[in-house]
N, C-alpha and C. Protein backbone atom coordinates (compact mmCIF):
# COMPACT_ATOMS: atom_id res chain seq x y z
N MET A 1 -5.80 13.64 -11.67
CA MET A 1 -4.75 14.40 -11.04
C MET A 1 -3.41 13.94 -11.58
N LYS A 2 -2.67 14.88 -12.16
CA LYS A 2 -1.35 14.55 -12.67
C LYS A 2 -0.29 15.02 -11.68
N PHE A 3 0.71 14.20 -11.52
CA PHE A 3 1.82 14.58 -10.68
C PHE A 3 3.10 14.06 -11.29
N LYS A 4 4.20 14.71 -10.95
CA LYS A 4 5.51 14.34 -11.47
C LYS A 4 6.26 13.57 -10.40
N GLN A 5 6.96 12.53 -10.80
CA GLN A 5 7.74 11.76 -9.84
C GLN A 5 8.84 12.65 -9.28
N ASN A 6 8.94 12.70 -7.95
CA ASN A 6 9.90 13.61 -7.35
C ASN A 6 10.89 12.95 -6.39
N ILE A 7 10.96 11.63 -6.38
CA ILE A 7 11.99 10.95 -5.59
C ILE A 7 12.72 9.97 -6.48
N SER A 8 13.96 9.69 -6.11
CA SER A 8 14.80 8.82 -6.94
C SER A 8 14.43 7.35 -6.73
N ILE A 9 15.02 6.50 -7.54
CA ILE A 9 14.75 5.06 -7.44
C ILE A 9 15.31 4.50 -6.13
N ILE A 10 16.49 4.94 -5.75
CA ILE A 10 17.08 4.47 -4.48
C ILE A 10 16.19 4.88 -3.31
N ASN A 11 15.74 6.13 -3.32
CA ASN A 11 14.85 6.61 -2.27
C ASN A 11 13.55 5.81 -2.26
N ALA A 12 13.01 5.51 -3.44
CA ALA A 12 11.78 4.73 -3.53
C ALA A 12 11.98 3.32 -2.98
N LEU A 13 13.09 2.70 -3.30
CA LEU A 13 13.36 1.35 -2.79
C LEU A 13 13.53 1.35 -1.27
N MET A 14 14.16 2.38 -0.74
CA MET A 14 14.31 2.49 0.71
C MET A 14 12.95 2.67 1.38
N ARG A 15 12.08 3.48 0.78
CA ARG A 15 10.75 3.69 1.34
C ARG A 15 9.94 2.40 1.32
N ILE A 16 10.02 1.65 0.24
CA ILE A 16 9.30 0.38 0.15
C ILE A 16 9.83 -0.61 1.17
N THR A 17 11.14 -0.71 1.29
CA THR A 17 11.74 -1.66 2.23
C THR A 17 11.39 -1.31 3.68
N CYS A 18 11.56 -0.06 4.05
CA CYS A 18 11.22 0.34 5.42
C CYS A 18 9.72 0.24 5.67
N GLY A 19 8.93 0.57 4.67
CA GLY A 19 7.48 0.47 4.82
C GLY A 19 7.04 -0.96 5.08
N PHE A 20 7.56 -1.90 4.32
CA PHE A 20 7.19 -3.31 4.53
C PHE A 20 7.73 -3.82 5.87
N THR A 21 8.91 -3.37 6.27
CA THR A 21 9.48 -3.79 7.55
C THR A 21 8.60 -3.34 8.71
N PHE A 22 8.25 -2.05 8.72
CA PHE A 22 7.40 -1.55 9.81
C PHE A 22 5.99 -2.13 9.74
N LEU A 23 5.50 -2.37 8.53
CA LEU A 23 4.17 -2.96 8.39
C LEU A 23 4.12 -4.36 8.98
N THR A 24 5.11 -5.19 8.68
CA THR A 24 5.12 -6.55 9.23
C THR A 24 5.33 -6.53 10.74
N TRP A 25 6.17 -5.61 11.23
CA TRP A 25 6.38 -5.50 12.68
C TRP A 25 5.08 -5.14 13.39
N ALA A 26 4.39 -4.13 12.87
CA ALA A 26 3.15 -3.68 13.50
C ALA A 26 2.06 -4.75 13.40
N MET A 27 1.99 -5.43 12.28
CA MET A 27 0.98 -6.48 12.13
C MET A 27 1.26 -7.64 13.09
N ALA A 28 2.53 -7.98 13.28
CA ALA A 28 2.87 -9.05 14.22
C ALA A 28 2.50 -8.65 15.64
N LYS A 29 2.72 -7.38 16.00
CA LYS A 29 2.33 -6.91 17.33
C LYS A 29 0.81 -6.90 17.50
N MET A 30 0.11 -6.55 16.43
CA MET A 30 -1.35 -6.53 16.50
C MET A 30 -1.93 -7.93 16.65
N VAL A 31 -1.27 -8.92 16.07
CA VAL A 31 -1.74 -10.31 16.20
C VAL A 31 -1.50 -10.82 17.61
N LYS A 32 -0.35 -10.45 18.20
CA LYS A 32 -0.03 -10.93 19.54
C LYS A 32 -0.91 -10.27 20.61
N LYS A 33 -1.15 -8.95 20.46
CA LYS A 33 -1.95 -8.22 21.44
C LYS A 33 -3.05 -7.45 20.73
N PRO A 34 -4.14 -8.11 20.40
CA PRO A 34 -5.20 -7.43 19.64
C PRO A 34 -5.93 -6.34 20.42
N TRP A 35 -5.86 -6.36 21.75
CA TRP A 35 -6.55 -5.35 22.54
C TRP A 35 -5.77 -4.03 22.59
N LYS A 36 -4.51 -4.03 22.17
CA LYS A 36 -3.71 -2.81 22.14
C LYS A 36 -3.36 -2.41 20.71
N ASN A 37 -4.32 -2.46 19.83
CA ASN A 37 -4.01 -2.25 18.42
C ASN A 37 -4.10 -0.79 17.98
N GLN A 38 -4.54 0.12 18.84
CA GLN A 38 -4.70 1.50 18.39
C GLN A 38 -3.36 2.16 18.06
N SER A 39 -2.36 1.96 18.88
CA SER A 39 -1.06 2.58 18.60
C SER A 39 -0.38 1.92 17.41
N TYR A 40 -0.59 0.63 17.24
CA TYR A 40 0.02 -0.06 16.11
C TYR A 40 -0.71 0.26 14.80
N LEU A 41 -1.96 0.64 14.91
CA LEU A 41 -2.73 1.00 13.72
C LEU A 41 -2.15 2.24 13.04
N VAL A 42 -1.65 3.17 13.83
CA VAL A 42 -1.02 4.37 13.27
C VAL A 42 0.25 3.98 12.51
N VAL A 43 1.02 3.07 13.07
CA VAL A 43 2.24 2.60 12.39
C VAL A 43 1.89 1.90 11.09
N VAL A 44 0.81 1.13 11.09
CA VAL A 44 0.37 0.44 9.87
C VAL A 44 -0.01 1.45 8.80
N MET A 45 -0.74 2.49 9.19
CA MET A 45 -1.16 3.50 8.21
C MET A 45 0.03 4.27 7.65
N ILE A 46 0.96 4.64 8.48
CA ILE A 46 2.15 5.36 8.01
C ILE A 46 3.00 4.46 7.12
N SER A 47 3.13 3.20 7.49
CA SER A 47 3.90 2.26 6.68
C SER A 47 3.27 2.05 5.31
N ALA A 48 1.95 1.93 5.29
CA ALA A 48 1.26 1.78 4.00
C ALA A 48 1.44 3.02 3.14
N MET A 49 1.45 4.19 3.76
CA MET A 49 1.69 5.42 3.02
C MET A 49 3.10 5.43 2.41
N LYS A 50 4.08 4.98 3.17
CA LYS A 50 5.46 4.95 2.67
C LYS A 50 5.61 3.94 1.53
N ILE A 51 4.92 2.82 1.62
CA ILE A 51 4.95 1.84 0.53
C ILE A 51 4.35 2.46 -0.73
N GLY A 52 3.23 3.13 -0.58
CA GLY A 52 2.60 3.79 -1.72
C GLY A 52 3.48 4.87 -2.33
N GLU A 53 4.14 5.66 -1.49
CA GLU A 53 5.06 6.68 -2.00
C GLU A 53 6.20 6.04 -2.77
N GLY A 54 6.71 4.92 -2.29
CA GLY A 54 7.80 4.25 -2.98
C GLY A 54 7.37 3.68 -4.32
N ILE A 55 6.17 3.12 -4.37
CA ILE A 55 5.69 2.54 -5.63
C ILE A 55 5.42 3.63 -6.66
N LEU A 56 4.79 4.71 -6.23
CA LEU A 56 4.47 5.80 -7.16
C LEU A 56 5.64 6.75 -7.42
N ARG A 57 6.66 6.69 -6.55
CA ARG A 57 7.81 7.59 -6.61
C ARG A 57 7.38 9.05 -6.52
N TYR A 58 6.38 9.31 -5.70
CA TYR A 58 5.88 10.66 -5.48
C TYR A 58 5.64 10.84 -3.98
N CYS A 59 6.23 11.89 -3.43
CA CYS A 59 6.05 12.21 -2.02
C CYS A 59 5.42 13.59 -1.92
N PRO A 60 4.23 13.69 -1.34
CA PRO A 60 3.59 15.00 -1.24
C PRO A 60 4.33 15.98 -0.34
N ILE A 61 5.04 15.48 0.65
CA ILE A 61 5.80 16.37 1.54
C ILE A 61 6.97 16.99 0.80
N VAL A 62 7.68 16.19 -0.01
CA VAL A 62 8.78 16.72 -0.81
C VAL A 62 8.25 17.74 -1.81
N ASP A 63 7.11 17.45 -2.40
CA ASP A 63 6.49 18.37 -3.36
C ASP A 63 6.13 19.69 -2.69
N ALA A 64 5.55 19.61 -1.49
CA ALA A 64 5.19 20.83 -0.77
C ALA A 64 6.43 21.64 -0.39
N MET A 65 7.50 20.96 0.00
CA MET A 65 8.73 21.68 0.35
C MET A 65 9.33 22.37 -0.88
N GLU A 66 9.34 21.68 -2.02
CA GLU A 66 9.87 22.28 -3.24
C GLU A 66 9.02 23.47 -3.68
N ASN A 67 7.70 23.33 -3.63
CA ASN A 67 6.82 24.44 -4.00
C ASN A 67 6.96 25.60 -3.04
N GLY A 68 7.13 25.32 -1.76
CA GLY A 68 7.31 26.37 -0.77
C GLY A 68 8.61 27.13 -0.98
N GLN A 69 9.67 26.42 -1.35
CA GLN A 69 10.95 27.09 -1.57
C GLN A 69 10.89 27.98 -2.81
N THR A 70 10.26 27.51 -3.88
CA THR A 70 10.15 28.35 -5.08
C THR A 70 9.25 29.54 -4.80
N PHE A 71 8.20 29.35 -4.01
CA PHE A 71 7.32 30.47 -3.66
C PHE A 71 8.08 31.51 -2.85
N MET A 72 8.89 31.06 -1.90
CA MET A 72 9.65 32.00 -1.07
C MET A 72 10.68 32.75 -1.90
N LYS A 73 11.31 32.08 -2.85
CA LYS A 73 12.29 32.75 -3.71
C LYS A 73 11.62 33.80 -4.58
N LYS A 74 10.44 33.47 -5.12
CA LYS A 74 9.71 34.44 -5.94
C LYS A 74 9.28 35.64 -5.10
N GLU A 75 8.81 35.36 -3.89
CA GLU A 75 8.38 36.44 -3.00
C GLU A 75 9.56 37.33 -2.61
N GLN A 76 10.70 36.71 -2.36
CA GLN A 76 11.89 37.47 -1.98
C GLN A 76 12.36 38.34 -3.14
N ASN A 77 12.34 37.80 -4.36
CA ASN A 77 12.74 38.58 -5.53
C ASN A 77 11.78 39.74 -5.77
N GLN A 78 10.49 39.54 -5.57
CA GLN A 78 9.53 40.61 -5.74
C GLN A 78 9.73 41.69 -4.69
N GLU A 79 10.11 41.30 -3.49
CA GLU A 79 10.35 42.27 -2.43
C GLU A 79 11.55 43.14 -2.76
N TYR A 80 12.61 42.54 -3.28
CA TYR A 80 13.80 43.31 -3.64
C TYR A 80 13.52 44.22 -4.83
N ASP A 81 12.69 43.78 -5.78
CA ASP A 81 12.37 44.57 -6.94
C ASP A 81 11.47 45.76 -6.60
N SER A 82 10.54 45.57 -5.67
CA SER A 82 9.58 46.64 -5.36
C SER A 82 10.13 47.66 -4.37
N ASN A 83 11.12 47.28 -3.55
CA ASN A 83 11.69 48.19 -2.57
C ASN A 83 13.14 48.48 -2.93
N PRO A 84 13.39 49.56 -3.67
CA PRO A 84 14.78 49.88 -3.98
C PRO A 84 15.50 50.32 -2.70
N SER A 85 16.76 49.98 -2.65
CA SER A 85 17.52 50.30 -1.44
C SER A 85 17.75 51.80 -1.35
N ASP A 86 17.71 52.29 -0.16
CA ASP A 86 17.95 53.72 0.07
C ASP A 86 19.45 53.96 0.11
N SER A 87 19.90 54.84 -0.73
CA SER A 87 21.35 55.16 -0.74
C SER A 87 21.51 56.59 -0.26
N TYR A 88 22.40 56.80 0.65
CA TYR A 88 22.64 58.12 1.20
C TYR A 88 23.92 58.67 0.67
């Protein structure tokens, strides 16, 4: 699977920093209260995802938004081309 990097270096560094911050916070909470780890497990998974996005400099959500916007623009242009305006 090939993908193009779609986030900047500053954005990637912020994602890595915040990801590691939330990961260490959630892991510390899981160590203190191991019986309540289900809610912290979600934070761990999201944090790991953000770290991975920062390292790869690829965000699937940004990619989906960009593809959706280009799709909508193409669809809008086709709509204007196929329906000529009625002039009276």
